Amino acid sequence: MRGISIEERAINLAHYIIDSKDTVRGTAKKFGISKSTVHKDVSERLQKINPVLALEVRRILDENKAERHIRGGMATKLKYINEKEHNAS
């Protein structure tokens, strides 16, 4: 993401999150930047650059946050299934 302005980066991140419905963590990994940077770009900077786009991203991030406990439960379930299979071998 080097060589582009902060504003362009914020817009690119926003479009990616909207298109993929990815999380802040997933977006950070995809673009090779920190979660803090992604969050600041799409929460604070984008609000000043393009409020409509910021609102769309906010809806997706709120949806991801609401589903977070479900994904965590699924990850825990898979962990214990895999451990059980591994110990049975």
PDB file of N, CA and C in Angstrom:
ATOM      1  N   MET A   1       0.817  -1.186   0.000  1.00  0.00           N
ATOM      2  CA  MET A   1       0.000   0.000   0.000  1.00  0.00           C
ATOM      3  C   MET A   1       0.863   1.253   0.000  1.00  0.00           C
ATOM      4  N   ARG A   2       2.123   1.065  -0.191  1.00  0.00           N
ATOM      5  CA  ARG A   2       3.013   2.222  -0.249  1.00  0.00           C
ATOM      6  C   ARG A   2       2.814   2.953  -1.566  1.00  0.00           C
ATOM      7  N   GLY A   3       3.055   4.254  -1.529  1.00  0.00           N
ATOM      8  CA  GLY A   3       2.962   5.035  -2.741  1.00  0.00           C
ATOM      9  C   GLY A   3       1.593   5.641  -2.989  1.00  0.00           C
ATOM     10  N   ILE A   4       0.632   5.350  -2.115  1.00  0.00           N
ATOM     11  CA  ILE A   4      -0.669   5.995  -2.269  1.00  0.00           C
ATOM     12  C   ILE A   4      -0.959   6.833  -1.026  1.00  0.00           C
ATOM     13  N   SER A   5      -1.836   7.791  -1.177  1.00  0.00           N
ATOM     14  CA  SER A   5      -2.146   8.676  -0.056  1.00  0.00           C
ATOM     15  C   SER A   5      -2.999   7.952   0.989  1.00  0.00           C
ATOM     16  N   ILE A   6      -3.041   8.528   2.162  1.00  0.00           N
ATOM     17  CA  ILE A   6      -3.851   7.965   3.246  1.00  0.00           C
ATOM     18  C   ILE A   6      -5.324   7.944   2.840  1.00  0.00           C
ATOM     19  N   GLU A   7      -5.762   8.980   2.153  1.00  0.00           N
ATOM     20  CA  GLU A   7      -7.150   9.060   1.720  1.00  0.00           C
ATOM     21  C   GLU A   7      -7.482   7.944   0.730  1.00  0.00           C
ATOM     22  N   GLU A   8      -6.578   7.714  -0.227  1.00  0.00           N
ATOM     23  CA  GLU A   8      -6.785   6.625  -1.192  1.00  0.00           C
ATOM     24  C   GLU A   8      -6.810   5.275  -0.479  1.00  0.00           C
ATOM     25  N   ARG A   9      -5.900   5.106   0.480  1.00  0.00           N
ATOM     26  CA  ARG A   9      -5.850   3.852   1.235  1.00  0.00           C
ATOM     27  C   ARG A   9      -7.172   3.623   1.968  1.00  0.00           C
ATOM     28  N   ALA A  10      -7.680   4.655   2.615  1.00  0.00           N
ATOM     29  CA  ALA A  10      -8.934   4.531   3.357  1.00  0.00           C
ATOM     30  C   ALA A  10     -10.079   4.131   2.426  1.00  0.00           C
ATOM     31  N   ILE A  11     -10.120   4.727   1.258  1.00  0.00           N
ATOM     32  CA  ILE A  11     -11.175   4.410   0.292  1.00  0.00           C
ATOM     33  C   ILE A  11     -11.013   2.982  -0.228  1.00  0.00           C
ATOM     34  N   ASN A  12      -9.773   2.577  -0.531  1.00  0.00           N
ATOM     35  CA  ASN A  12      -9.521   1.207  -0.991  1.00  0.00           C
ATOM     36  C   ASN A  12      -9.934   0.183   0.069  1.00  0.00           C
ATOM     37  N   LEU A  13      -9.578   0.456   1.309  1.00  0.00           N
ATOM     38  CA  LEU A  13      -9.953  -0.448   2.403  1.00  0.00           C
ATOM     39  C   LEU A  13     -11.465  -0.543   2.535  1.00  0.00           C
ATOM     40  N   ALA A  14     -12.127   0.601   2.431  1.00  0.00           N
ATOM     41  CA  ALA A  14     -13.589   0.631   2.546  1.00  0.00           C
ATOM     42  C   ALA A  14     -14.241  -0.199   1.446  1.00  0.00           C
ATOM     43  N   HIS A  15     -13.787  -0.012   0.213  1.00  0.00           N
ATOM     44  CA  HIS A  15     -14.357  -0.776  -0.901  1.00  0.00           C
ATOM     45  C   HIS A  15     -14.112  -2.277  -0.709  1.00  0.00           C
ATOM     46  N   TYR A  16     -12.934  -2.635  -0.229  1.00  0.00           N
ATOM     47  CA  TYR A  16     -12.641  -4.047   0.003  1.00  0.00           C
ATOM     48  C   TYR A  16     -13.585  -4.622   1.065  1.00  0.00           C
ATOM     49  N   ILE A  17     -13.762  -3.906   2.168  1.00  0.00           N
ATOM     50  CA  ILE A  17     -14.632  -4.393   3.244  1.00  0.00           C
ATOM     51  C   ILE A  17     -16.070  -4.519   2.752  1.00  0.00           C
ATOM     52  N   ILE A  18     -16.532  -3.554   1.987  1.00  0.00           N
ATOM     53  CA  ILE A  18     -17.898  -3.601   1.466  1.00  0.00           C
ATOM     54  C   ILE A  18     -18.074  -4.772   0.501  1.00  0.00           C
ATOM     55  N   ASP A  19     -17.120  -4.949  -0.399  1.00  0.00           N
ATOM     56  CA  ASP A  19     -17.224  -6.021  -1.400  1.00  0.00           C
ATOM     57  C   ASP A  19     -17.086  -7.409  -0.795  1.00  0.00           C
ATOM     58  N   SER A  20     -16.160  -7.568   0.152  1.00  0.00           N
ATOM     59  CA  SER A  20     -15.869  -8.895   0.689  1.00  0.00           C
ATOM     60  C   SER A  20     -16.581  -9.186   2.000  1.00  0.00           C
ATOM     61  N   LYS A  21     -17.095  -8.143   2.666  1.00  0.00           N
ATOM     62  CA  LYS A  21     -17.689  -8.255   3.997  1.00  0.00           C
ATOM     63  C   LYS A  21     -16.687  -8.826   4.997  1.00  0.00           C
ATOM     64  N   ASP A  22     -15.416  -8.557   4.749  1.00  0.00           N
ATOM     65  CA  ASP A  22     -14.339  -9.056   5.599  1.00  0.00           C
ATOM     66  C   ASP A  22     -14.267  -8.245   6.891  1.00  0.00           C
ATOM     67  N   THR A  23     -13.600  -8.813   7.875  1.00  0.00           N
ATOM     68  CA  THR A  23     -13.411  -8.154   9.164  1.00  0.00           C
ATOM     69  C   THR A  23     -12.216  -7.207   9.097  1.00  0.00           C
ATOM     70  N   VAL A  24     -12.059  -6.396  10.141  1.00  0.00           N
ATOM     71  CA  VAL A  24     -10.897  -5.511  10.228  1.00  0.00           C
ATOM     72  C   VAL A  24      -9.625  -6.350  10.239  1.00  0.00           C
ATOM     73  N   ARG A  25      -9.626  -7.423  11.012  1.00  0.00           N
ATOM     74  CA  ARG A  25      -8.455  -8.296  11.098  1.00  0.00           C
ATOM     75  C   ARG A  25      -8.130  -8.915   9.742  1.00  0.00           C
ATOM     76  N   GLY A  26      -9.142  -9.414   9.040  1.00  0.00           N
ATOM     77  CA  GLY A  26      -8.931 -10.007   7.719  1.00  0.00           C
ATOM     78  C   GLY A  26      -8.446  -8.996   6.703  1.00  0.00           C
ATOM     79  N   THR A  27      -8.999  -7.799   6.770  1.00  0.00           N
ATOM     80  CA  THR A  27      -8.591  -6.724   5.866  1.00  0.00           C
ATOM     81  C   THR A  27      -7.144  -6.330   6.120  1.00  0.00           C
ATOM     82  N   ALA A  28      -6.785  -6.223   7.389  1.00  0.00           N
ATOM     83  CA  ALA A  28      -5.409  -5.871   7.745  1.00  0.00           C
ATOM     84  C   ALA A  28      -4.429  -6.900   7.198  1.00  0.00           C
ATOM     85  N   LYS A  29      -4.776  -8.165   7.343  1.00  0.00           N
ATOM     86  CA  LYS A  29      -3.905  -9.234   6.851  1.00  0.00           C
ATOM     87  C   LYS A  29      -3.787  -9.176   5.333  1.00  0.00           C
ATOM     88  N   LYS A  30      -4.899  -8.960   4.660  1.00  0.00           N
ATOM     89  CA  LYS A  30      -4.914  -8.906   3.193  1.00  0.00           C
ATOM     90  C   LYS A  30      -4.039  -7.767   2.659  1.00  0.00           C
ATOM     91  N   PHE A  31      -4.082  -6.613   3.320  1.00  0.00           N
ATOM     92  CA  PHE A  31      -3.346  -5.442   2.842  1.00  0.00           C
ATOM     93  C   PHE A  31      -1.973  -5.291   3.496  1.00  0.00           C
ATOM     94  N   GLY A  32      -1.646  -6.147   4.461  1.00  0.00           N
ATOM     95  CA  GLY A  32      -0.334  -6.100   5.090  1.00  0.00           C
ATOM     96  C   GLY A  32      -0.122  -4.886   5.977  1.00  0.00           C
ATOM     97  N   ILE A  33      -1.188  -4.444   6.632  1.00  0.00           N
ATOM     98  CA  ILE A  33      -1.091  -3.318   7.562  1.00  0.00           C
ATOM     99  C   ILE A  33      -1.722  -3.724   8.892  1.00  0.00           C
ATOM    100  N   SER A  34      -1.583  -2.884   9.894  1.00  0.00           N
ATOM    101  CA  SER A  34      -2.094  -3.248  11.221  1.00  0.00           C
ATOM    102  C   SER A  34      -3.606  -3.063  11.315  1.00  0.00           C
ATOM    103  N   LYS A  35      -4.204  -3.786  12.273  1.00  0.00           N
ATOM    104  CA  LYS A  35      -5.639  -3.653  12.530  1.00  0.00           C
ATOM    105  C   LYS A  35      -5.964  -2.223  12.941  1.00  0.00           C
ATOM    106  N   SER A  36      -5.072  -1.627  13.714  1.00  0.00           N
ATOM    107  CA  SER A  36      -5.290  -0.257  14.183  1.00  0.00           C
ATOM    108  C   SER A  36      -5.377   0.718  13.011  1.00  0.00           C
ATOM    109  N   THR A  37      -4.520   0.524  12.023  1.00  0.00           N
ATOM    110  CA  THR A  37      -4.515   1.389  10.848  1.00  0.00           C
ATOM    111  C   THR A  37      -5.815   1.231  10.065  1.00  0.00           C
ATOM    112  N   VAL A  38      -6.228  -0.017   9.860  1.00  0.00           N
ATOM    113  CA  VAL A  38      -7.478  -0.266   9.140  1.00  0.00           C
ATOM    114  C   VAL A  38      -8.635   0.400   9.883  1.00  0.00           C
ATOM    115  N   HIS A  39      -8.687   0.173  11.174  1.00  0.00           N
ATOM    116  CA  HIS A  39      -9.786   0.715  11.967  1.00  0.00           C
ATOM    117  C   HIS A  39      -9.809   2.246  11.921  1.00  0.00           C
ATOM    118  N   LYS A  40      -8.646   2.859  12.097  1.00  0.00           N
ATOM    119  CA  LYS A  40      -8.580   4.328  12.065  1.00  0.00           C
ATOM    120  C   LYS A  40      -8.965   4.860  10.681  1.00  0.00           C
ATOM    121  N   ASP A  41      -8.486   4.203   9.637  1.00  0.00           N
ATOM    122  CA  ASP A  41      -8.799   4.638   8.276  1.00  0.00           C
ATOM    123  C   ASP A  41     -10.300   4.586   8.000  1.00  0.00           C
ATOM    124  N   VAL A  42     -10.939   3.473   8.326  1.00  0.00           N
ATOM    125  CA  VAL A  42     -12.351   3.318   7.952  1.00  0.00           C
ATOM    126  C   VAL A  42     -13.303   3.932   8.971  1.00  0.00           C
ATOM    127  N   SER A  43     -12.852   4.178  10.186  1.00  0.00           N
ATOM    128  CA  SER A  43     -13.732   4.757  11.197  1.00  0.00           C
ATOM    129  C   SER A  43     -13.612   6.273  11.288  1.00  0.00           C
ATOM    130  N   GLU A  44     -12.398   6.765  11.316  1.00  0.00           N
ATOM    131  CA  GLU A  44     -12.191   8.199  11.513  1.00  0.00           C
ATOM    132  C   GLU A  44     -11.908   8.941  10.207  1.00  0.00           C
ATOM    133  N   ARG A  45     -10.896   8.504   9.507  1.00  0.00           N
ATOM    134  CA  ARG A  45     -10.476   9.240   8.298  1.00  0.00           C
ATOM    135  C   ARG A  45     -11.541   9.213   7.212  1.00  0.00           C
ATOM    136  N   LEU A  46     -12.142   8.052   7.014  1.00  0.00           N
ATOM    137  CA  LEU A  46     -13.143   7.912   5.953  1.00  0.00           C
ATOM    138  C   LEU A  46     -14.363   8.787   6.219  1.00  0.00           C
ATOM    139  N   GLN A  47     -14.690   8.994   7.490  1.00  0.00           N
ATOM    140  CA  GLN A  47     -15.832   9.843   7.846  1.00  0.00           C
ATOM    141  C   GLN A  47     -15.648  11.262   7.296  1.00  0.00           C
ATOM    142  N   LYS A  48     -14.415  11.738   7.306  1.00  0.00           N
ATOM    143  CA  LYS A  48     -14.125  13.082   6.804  1.00  0.00           C
ATOM    144  C   LYS A  48     -14.036  13.119   5.274  1.00  0.00           C
ATOM    145  N   ILE A  49     -13.607  12.002   4.681  1.00  0.00           N
ATOM    146  CA  ILE A  49     -13.401  11.935   3.229  1.00  0.00           C
ATOM    147  C   ILE A  49     -14.715  11.669   2.496  1.00  0.00           C
ATOM    148  N   ASN A  50     -15.437  10.648   2.964  1.00  0.00           N
ATOM    149  CA  ASN A  50     -16.665  10.220   2.285  1.00  0.00           C
ATOM    150  C   ASN A  50     -17.625   9.637   3.326  1.00  0.00           C
ATOM    151  N   PRO A  51     -18.471  10.459   3.921  1.00  0.00           N
ATOM    152  CA  PRO A  51     -19.373  10.001   4.979  1.00  0.00           C
ATOM    153  C   PRO A  51     -20.327   8.881   4.558  1.00  0.00           C
ATOM    154  N   VAL A  52     -20.767   8.900   3.304  1.00  0.00           N
ATOM    155  CA  VAL A  52     -21.694   7.858   2.833  1.00  0.00           C
ATOM    156  C   VAL A  52     -20.994   6.499   2.804  1.00  0.00           C
ATOM    157  N   LEU A  53     -19.778   6.473   2.280  1.00  0.00           N
ATOM    158  CA  LEU A  53     -18.985   5.251   2.239  1.00  0.00           C
ATOM    159  C   LEU A  53     -18.673   4.778   3.666  1.00  0.00           C
ATOM    160  N   ALA A  54     -18.375   5.717   4.536  1.00  0.00           N
ATOM    161  CA  ALA A  54     -18.086   5.390   5.942  1.00  0.00           C
ATOM    162  C   ALA A  54     -19.286   4.715   6.598  1.00  0.00           C
ATOM    163  N   LEU A  55     -20.481   5.172   6.277  1.00  0.00           N
ATOM    164  CA  LEU A  55     -21.695   4.580   6.843  1.00  0.00           C
ATOM    165  C   LEU A  55     -21.885   3.146   6.360  1.00  0.00           C
ATOM    166  N   GLU A  56     -21.616   2.898   5.090  1.00  0.00           N
ATOM    167  CA  GLU A  56     -21.721   1.539   4.550  1.00  0.00           C
ATOM    168  C   GLU A  56     -20.745   0.595   5.259  1.00  0.00           C
ATOM    169  N   VAL A  57     -19.513   1.057   5.440  1.00  0.00           N
ATOM    170  CA  VAL A  57     -18.499   0.243   6.126  1.00  0.00           C
ATOM    171  C   VAL A  57     -18.925   0.006   7.573  1.00  0.00           C
ATOM    172  N   ARG A  58     -19.425   1.031   8.227  1.00  0.00           N
ATOM    173  CA  ARG A  58     -19.859   0.915   9.620  1.00  0.00           C
ATOM    174  C   ARG A  58     -20.920  -0.165   9.769  1.00  0.00           C
ATOM    175  N   ARG A  59     -21.855  -0.237   8.822  1.00  0.00           N
ATOM    176  CA  ARG A  59     -22.901  -1.279   8.873  1.00  0.00           C
ATOM    177  C   ARG A  59     -22.281  -2.673   8.826  1.00  0.00           C
ATOM    178  N   ILE A  60     -21.315  -2.870   7.962  1.00  0.00           N
ATOM    179  CA  ILE A  60     -20.673  -4.181   7.835  1.00  0.00           C
ATOM    180  C   ILE A  60     -19.864  -4.501   9.080  1.00  0.00           C
ATOM    181  N   LEU A  61     -19.120  -3.526   9.594  1.00  0.00           N
ATOM    182  CA  LEU A  61     -18.325  -3.767  10.799  1.00  0.00           C
ATOM    183  C   LEU A  61     -19.226  -4.065  11.997  1.00  0.00           C
ATOM    184  N   ASP A  62     -20.370  -3.395  12.083  1.00  0.00           N
ATOM    185  CA  ASP A  62     -21.319  -3.679  13.164  1.00  0.00           C
ATOM    186  C   ASP A  62     -21.892  -5.088  13.035  1.00  0.00           C
ATOM    187  N   GLU A  63     -22.170  -5.497  11.798  1.00  0.00           N
ATOM    188  CA  GLU A  63     -22.668  -6.849  11.546  1.00  0.00           C
ATOM    189  C   GLU A  63     -21.610  -7.885  11.948  1.00  0.00           C
ATOM    190  N   ASN A  64     -20.360  -7.633  11.561  1.00  0.00           N
ATOM    191  CA  ASN A  64     -19.268  -8.545  11.937  1.00  0.00           C
ATOM    192  C   ASN A  64     -19.127  -8.626  13.447  1.00  0.00           C
ATOM    193  N   LYS A  65     -19.262  -7.498  14.115  1.00  0.00           N
ATOM    194  CA  LYS A  65     -19.138  -7.479  15.571  1.00  0.00           C
ATOM    195  C   LYS A  65     -20.264  -8.284  16.216  1.00  0.00           C
ATOM    196  N   ALA A  66     -21.470  -8.171  15.673  1.00  0.00           N
ATOM    197  CA  ALA A  66     -22.609  -8.908  16.214  1.00  0.00           C
ATOM    198  C   ALA A  66     -22.438 -10.415  16.031  1.00  0.00           C
ATOM    199  N   GLU A  67     -21.736 -10.822  14.976  1.00  0.00           N
ATOM    200  CA  GLU A  67     -21.541 -12.250  14.686  1.00  0.00           C
ATOM    201  C   GLU A  67     -20.268 -12.813  15.304  1.00  0.00           C
ATOM    202  N   ARG A  68     -19.478 -11.966  15.923  1.00  0.00           N
ATOM    203  CA  ARG A  68     -18.165 -12.366  16.438  1.00  0.00           C
ATOM    204  C   ARG A  68     -18.262 -13.539  17.412  1.00  0.00           C
ATOM    205  N   HIS A  69     -19.233 -13.505  18.307  1.00  0.00           N
ATOM    206  CA  HIS A  69     -19.349 -14.574  19.300  1.00  0.00           C
ATOM    207  C   HIS A  69     -19.680 -15.918  18.642  1.00  0.00           C
ATOM    208  N   ILE A  70     -20.390 -15.881  17.531  1.00  0.00           N
ATOM    209  CA  ILE A  70     -20.728 -17.117  16.821  1.00  0.00           C
ATOM    210  C   ILE A  70     -19.479 -17.716  16.189  1.00  0.00           C
ATOM    211  N   ARG A  71     -18.675 -16.860  15.525  1.00  0.00           N
ATOM    212  CA  ARG A  71     -17.431 -17.349  14.909  1.00  0.00           C
ATOM    213  C   ARG A  71     -16.482 -17.895  15.964  1.00  0.00           C
ATOM    214  N   GLY A  72     -16.420 -17.242  17.106  1.00  0.00           N
ATOM    215  CA  GLY A  72     -15.554 -17.711  18.191  1.00  0.00           C
ATOM    216  C   GLY A  72     -16.000 -19.068  18.699  1.00  0.00           C
ATOM    217  N   GLY A  73     -17.298 -19.255  18.835  1.00  0.00           N
ATOM    218  CA  GLY A  73     -17.835 -20.545  19.282  1.00  0.00           C
ATOM    219  C   GLY A  73     -17.552 -21.647  18.281  1.00  0.00           C
ATOM    220  N   MET A  74     -17.676 -21.321  16.994  1.00  0.00           N
ATOM    221  CA  MET A  74     -17.392 -22.314  15.955  1.00  0.00           C
ATOM    222  C   MET A  74     -15.914 -22.706  15.961  1.00  0.00           C
ATOM    223  N   ALA A  75     -15.040 -21.720  16.153  1.00  0.00           N
ATOM    224  CA  ALA A  75     -13.604 -22.000  16.199  1.00  0.00           C
ATOM    225  C   ALA A  75     -13.274 -22.910  17.377  1.00  0.00           C
ATOM    226  N   THR A  76     -13.894 -22.655  18.523  1.00  0.00           N
ATOM    227  CA  THR A  76     -13.657 -23.484  19.707  1.00  0.00           C
ATOM    228  C   THR A  76     -14.162 -24.899  19.468  1.00  0.00           C
ATOM    229  N   LYS A  77     -15.328 -25.015  18.868  1.00  0.00           N
ATOM    230  CA  LYS A  77     -15.894 -26.331  18.572  1.00  0.00           C
ATOM    231  C   LYS A  77     -14.960 -27.130  17.660  1.00  0.00           C
ATOM    232  N   LEU A  78     -14.468 -26.483  16.598  1.00  0.00           N
ATOM    233  CA  LEU A  78     -13.549 -27.163  15.677  1.00  0.00           C
ATOM    234  C   LEU A  78     -12.260 -27.573  16.375  1.00  0.00           C
ATOM    235  N   LYS A  79     -11.789 -26.728  17.267  1.00  0.00           N
ATOM    236  CA  LYS A  79     -10.558 -27.027  17.999  1.00  0.00           C
ATOM    237  C   LYS A  79     -10.717 -28.327  18.787  1.00  0.00           C
ATOM    238  N   TYR A  80     -11.834 -28.458  19.500  1.00  0.00           N
ATOM    239  CA  TYR A  80     -12.030 -29.645  20.321  1.00  0.00           C
ATOM    240  C   TYR A  80     -12.335 -30.882  19.499  1.00  0.00           C
ATOM    241  N   ILE A  81     -12.985 -30.720  18.357  1.00  0.00           N
ATOM    242  CA  ILE A  81     -13.202 -31.849  17.458  1.00  0.00           C
ATOM    243  C   ILE A  81     -11.868 -32.356  16.934  1.00  0.00           C
ATOM    244  N   ASN A  82     -11.006 -31.428  16.514  1.00  0.00           N
ATOM    245  CA  ASN A  82      -9.694 -31.804  15.996  1.00  0.00           C
ATOM    246  C   ASN A  82      -8.820 -32.452  17.085  1.00  0.00           C
ATOM    247  N   GLU A  83      -8.891 -31.925  18.304  1.00  0.00           N
ATOM    248  CA  GLU A  83      -8.124 -32.524  19.403  1.00  0.00           C
ATOM    249  C   GLU A  83      -8.621 -33.937  19.692  1.00  0.00           C
ATOM    250  N   LYS A  84      -9.923 -34.133  19.667  1.00  0.00           N
ATOM    251  CA  LYS A  84     -10.499 -35.448  19.932  1.00  0.00           C
ATOM    252  C   LYS A  84     -10.056 -36.455  18.873  1.00  0.00           C
ATOM    253  N   GLU A  85     -10.074 -36.029  17.596  1.00  0.00           N
ATOM    254  CA  GLU A  85      -9.629 -36.899  16.507  1.00  0.00           C
ATOM    255  C   GLU A  85      -8.154 -37.216  16.623  1.00  0.00           C
ATOM    256  N   HIS A  86      -7.360 -36.206  16.984  1.00  0.00           N
ATOM    257  CA  HIS A  86      -5.912 -36.386  17.119  1.00  0.00           C
ATOM    258  C   HIS A  86      -5.588 -37.357  18.256  1.00  0.00           C
ATOM    259  N   ASN A  87      -6.293 -37.242  19.370  1.00  0.00           N
ATOM    260  CA  ASN A  87      -6.047 -38.121  20.519  1.00  0.00           C
ATOM    261  C   ASN A  87      -6.540 -39.543  20.273  1.00  0.00           C
ATOM    262  N   ALA A  88      -7.517 -39.706  19.393  1.00  0.00           N
ATOM    263  CA  ALA A  88      -8.034 -41.027  19.071  1.00  0.00           C
ATOM    264  C   ALA A  88      -7.092 -41.799  18.156  1.00  0.00           C
ATOM    265  N   SER A  89      -6.223 -41.096  17.486  1.00  0.00           N
ATOM    266  CA  SER A  89      -5.303 -41.740  16.526  1.00  0.00           C
ATOM    267  C   SER A  89      -4.228 -42.534  17.192  1.00  0.00           C
TER     268      SER A  89
END
